[in-house]
């Protein structure tokens, strides 16, 4: 059974507001920063569901202009 849920991630990229919806089993601040950086073109997206990639950290994302990352469950 798939226990994935939908989450809304909002962030700013060089001052421009951005948002997207993602399906994950769990979300936390580290995941939100990683996926926001992927959406911005900074982070690396795994090719396969089980591939382990190094997550983009908040300090690294901020170097590329990703800021104010917030997430919430999609209703």
N, C-alpha and C. Protein backbone atom coordinates (compact mmCIF):
# COMPACT_ATOMS: atom_id res chain seq x y z
N UNK A 1 0.84 -1.19 0.00
CA UNK A 1 0.00 0.00 0.00
C UNK A 1 0.88 1.25 0.00
N UNK A 2 0.54 2.20 -0.82
CA UNK A 2 1.31 3.43 -0.93
C UNK A 2 0.85 4.42 0.14
N UNK A 3 1.77 4.85 0.99
CA UNK A 3 1.41 5.78 2.06
C UNK A 3 1.87 7.20 1.74
N UNK A 4 2.16 7.49 0.48
CA UNK A 4 2.63 8.82 0.09
C UNK A 4 1.51 9.84 0.24
N UNK A 5 1.89 11.05 0.61
CA UNK A 5 0.95 12.15 0.79
C UNK A 5 1.39 13.32 -0.08
N UNK A 6 0.48 14.24 -0.32
CA UNK A 6 0.79 15.44 -1.09
C UNK A 6 1.18 16.58 -0.15
N UNK A 7 2.22 17.30 -0.53
CA UNK A 7 2.68 18.45 0.23
C UNK A 7 2.88 19.64 -0.71
N UNK A 8 2.60 20.83 -0.21
CA UNK A 8 2.86 22.07 -0.94
C UNK A 8 4.13 22.68 -0.37
N UNK A 9 5.08 22.99 -1.24
CA UNK A 9 6.33 23.63 -0.83
C UNK A 9 6.36 25.01 -1.48
N UNK A 10 6.54 26.04 -0.66
CA UNK A 10 6.63 27.42 -1.14
C UNK A 10 8.00 27.97 -0.76
N UNK A 11 8.59 28.74 -1.67
CA UNK A 11 9.91 29.33 -1.42
C UNK A 11 10.08 30.55 -2.32
N UNK A 12 11.16 31.28 -2.10
CA UNK A 12 11.51 32.37 -3.00
C UNK A 12 12.85 32.06 -3.65
N UNK A 13 12.97 32.42 -4.92
CA UNK A 13 14.20 32.25 -5.68
C UNK A 13 14.60 33.62 -6.19
N UNK A 14 15.67 34.18 -5.64
CA UNK A 14 16.12 35.53 -5.96
C UNK A 14 14.98 36.54 -5.79
N UNK A 15 14.15 36.33 -4.75
CA UNK A 15 13.07 37.25 -4.44
C UNK A 15 11.75 36.95 -5.12
N UNK A 16 11.72 36.05 -6.10
CA UNK A 16 10.49 35.69 -6.80
C UNK A 16 9.81 34.51 -6.09
N UNK A 17 8.52 34.65 -5.75
CA UNK A 17 7.83 33.54 -5.09
C UNK A 17 7.60 32.37 -6.03
N UNK A 18 7.82 31.17 -5.53
CA UNK A 18 7.63 29.92 -6.29
C UNK A 18 6.91 28.94 -5.39
N UNK A 19 6.22 27.99 -5.99
CA UNK A 19 5.59 26.91 -5.22
C UNK A 19 5.37 25.71 -6.12
N UNK A 20 5.25 24.55 -5.49
CA UNK A 20 4.98 23.31 -6.22
C UNK A 20 4.37 22.31 -5.26
N UNK A 21 3.79 21.26 -5.82
CA UNK A 21 3.20 20.18 -5.03
C UNK A 21 4.02 18.93 -5.29
N UNK A 22 4.31 18.18 -4.24
CA UNK A 22 5.11 16.97 -4.36
C UNK A 22 4.46 15.85 -3.55
N UNK A 23 4.61 14.63 -4.04
CA UNK A 23 4.08 13.45 -3.35
C UNK A 23 5.25 12.73 -2.69
N UNK A 24 5.22 12.63 -1.36
CA UNK A 24 6.25 11.95 -0.59
C UNK A 24 5.60 11.20 0.57
N UNK A 25 6.32 10.22 1.10
CA UNK A 25 5.82 9.50 2.28
C UNK A 25 5.92 10.36 3.53
N UNK A 26 7.01 11.15 3.63
CA UNK A 26 7.16 12.04 4.78
C UNK A 26 7.83 13.32 4.33
N UNK A 27 7.54 14.39 5.05
CA UNK A 27 8.14 15.69 4.73
C UNK A 27 8.65 16.29 6.03
N UNK A 28 9.81 16.92 5.96
CA UNK A 28 10.35 17.69 7.07
C UNK A 28 11.08 18.88 6.45
N UNK A 29 11.68 19.71 7.28
CA UNK A 29 12.34 20.91 6.76
C UNK A 29 13.50 20.57 5.83
N UNK A 30 14.29 19.56 6.17
CA UNK A 30 15.42 19.17 5.31
C UNK A 30 14.93 18.72 3.94
N UNK A 31 13.86 17.92 3.91
CA UNK A 31 13.29 17.47 2.63
C UNK A 31 12.77 18.67 1.84
N UNK A 32 12.09 19.59 2.51
CA UNK A 32 11.54 20.76 1.83
C UNK A 32 12.64 21.60 1.20
N UNK A 33 13.74 21.82 1.91
CA UNK A 33 14.85 22.59 1.35
C UNK A 33 15.47 21.86 0.16
N UNK A 34 15.62 20.55 0.27
CA UNK A 34 16.19 19.78 -0.83
C UNK A 34 15.31 19.87 -2.08
N UNK A 35 14.01 19.62 -1.93
CA UNK A 35 13.13 19.62 -3.10
C UNK A 35 12.90 21.02 -3.65
N UNK A 36 12.94 22.04 -2.80
CA UNK A 36 12.86 23.42 -3.31
C UNK A 36 14.09 23.73 -4.16
N UNK A 37 15.26 23.26 -3.72
CA UNK A 37 16.47 23.50 -4.51
C UNK A 37 16.42 22.71 -5.82
N UNK A 38 15.82 21.53 -5.81
CA UNK A 38 15.64 20.77 -7.06
C UNK A 38 14.71 21.52 -8.01
N UNK A 39 13.62 22.05 -7.47
CA UNK A 39 12.68 22.81 -8.30
C UNK A 39 13.34 24.05 -8.89
N UNK A 40 14.28 24.63 -8.14
CA UNK A 40 14.99 25.82 -8.60
C UNK A 40 16.12 25.49 -9.58
N UNK A 41 16.41 24.20 -9.75
CA UNK A 41 17.47 23.80 -10.67
C UNK A 41 18.83 23.67 -10.03
N UNK A 42 18.88 23.68 -8.71
CA UNK A 42 20.15 23.61 -7.99
C UNK A 42 20.46 22.20 -7.50
N UNK A 43 19.46 21.53 -6.94
CA UNK A 43 19.66 20.21 -6.36
C UNK A 43 19.59 19.10 -7.38
N UNK A 44 20.04 17.92 -6.97
CA UNK A 44 20.05 16.75 -7.85
C UNK A 44 18.85 15.87 -7.52
N UNK A 45 18.10 15.50 -8.55
CA UNK A 45 16.94 14.64 -8.40
C UNK A 45 17.38 13.20 -8.65
N UNK A 46 17.05 12.27 -7.76
CA UNK A 46 17.45 10.88 -7.99
C UNK A 46 16.76 10.30 -9.22
N UNK A 47 17.49 9.49 -9.99
CA UNK A 47 16.93 8.89 -11.20
C UNK A 47 15.91 7.81 -10.88
N UNK A 48 16.17 7.06 -9.85
CA UNK A 48 15.29 5.97 -9.46
C UNK A 48 14.85 6.20 -8.03
N UNK A 49 13.70 5.68 -7.67
CA UNK A 49 13.17 5.89 -6.33
C UNK A 49 14.10 5.46 -5.22
N UNK A 50 14.92 4.45 -5.48
CA UNK A 50 15.80 3.93 -4.43
C UNK A 50 17.21 4.50 -4.51
N UNK A 51 17.50 5.30 -5.51
CA UNK A 51 18.84 5.87 -5.63
C UNK A 51 19.06 6.89 -4.51
N UNK A 52 20.17 6.78 -3.84
CA UNK A 52 20.50 7.69 -2.76
C UNK A 52 21.38 8.82 -3.30
N UNK A 53 20.92 10.04 -3.16
CA UNK A 53 21.71 11.20 -3.56
C UNK A 53 21.90 12.07 -2.34
N UNK A 54 22.96 12.84 -2.35
CA UNK A 54 23.20 13.76 -1.24
C UNK A 54 22.17 14.89 -1.32
N UNK A 55 21.46 15.10 -0.24
CA UNK A 55 20.45 16.14 -0.23
C UNK A 55 21.11 17.52 -0.18
N UNK A 56 20.47 18.47 -0.84
CA UNK A 56 20.95 19.84 -0.83
C UNK A 56 20.58 20.46 0.52
N UNK A 57 21.56 21.00 1.21
CA UNK A 57 21.32 21.57 2.54
C UNK A 57 20.81 23.01 2.42
N UNK A 58 20.28 23.52 3.51
CA UNK A 58 19.80 24.90 3.55
C UNK A 58 20.92 25.89 3.22
N UNK A 59 22.12 25.78 3.83
CA UNK A 59 23.18 26.74 3.49
C UNK A 59 23.58 26.69 2.01
N UNK A 60 23.62 25.50 1.43
CA UNK A 60 23.98 25.38 0.02
C UNK A 60 22.88 25.99 -0.87
N UNK A 61 21.63 25.72 -0.54
CA UNK A 61 20.52 26.27 -1.32
C UNK A 61 20.50 27.80 -1.24
N UNK A 62 20.80 28.33 -0.04
CA UNK A 62 20.81 29.79 0.12
C UNK A 62 21.90 30.44 -0.71
N UNK A 63 23.01 29.74 -0.95
CA UNK A 63 24.07 30.28 -1.80
C UNK A 63 23.58 30.53 -3.22
N UNK A 64 22.57 29.76 -3.65
CA UNK A 64 22.05 29.87 -5.00
C UNK A 64 20.75 30.66 -5.07
N UNK A 65 20.38 31.34 -3.99
CA UNK A 65 19.22 32.23 -4.01
C UNK A 65 17.91 31.64 -3.55
N UNK A 66 17.92 30.41 -3.04
CA UNK A 66 16.69 29.80 -2.52
C UNK A 66 16.52 30.25 -1.07
N UNK A 67 15.35 30.82 -0.75
CA UNK A 67 15.11 31.34 0.60
C UNK A 67 13.67 31.08 1.02
N UNK A 68 13.41 31.28 2.30
CA UNK A 68 12.05 31.26 2.86
C UNK A 68 11.27 30.01 2.49
N UNK A 69 11.88 28.85 2.64
CA UNK A 69 11.20 27.60 2.30
C UNK A 69 10.21 27.24 3.40
N UNK A 70 8.97 27.03 2.99
CA UNK A 70 7.91 26.61 3.91
C UNK A 70 7.15 25.47 3.24
N UNK A 71 6.64 24.57 4.06
CA UNK A 71 5.86 23.46 3.51
C UNK A 71 4.65 23.20 4.37
N UNK A 72 3.65 22.55 3.76
CA UNK A 72 2.42 22.20 4.47
C UNK A 72 1.76 21.05 3.73
N UNK A 73 0.92 20.29 4.42
CA UNK A 73 0.17 19.24 3.72
C UNK A 73 -0.82 19.88 2.74
N UNK A 74 -0.99 19.27 1.59
CA UNK A 74 -2.00 19.74 0.64
C UNK A 74 -3.35 19.20 1.07
N UNK A 75 -4.34 20.04 1.05
CA UNK A 75 -5.69 19.60 1.46
C UNK A 75 -6.59 19.50 0.27
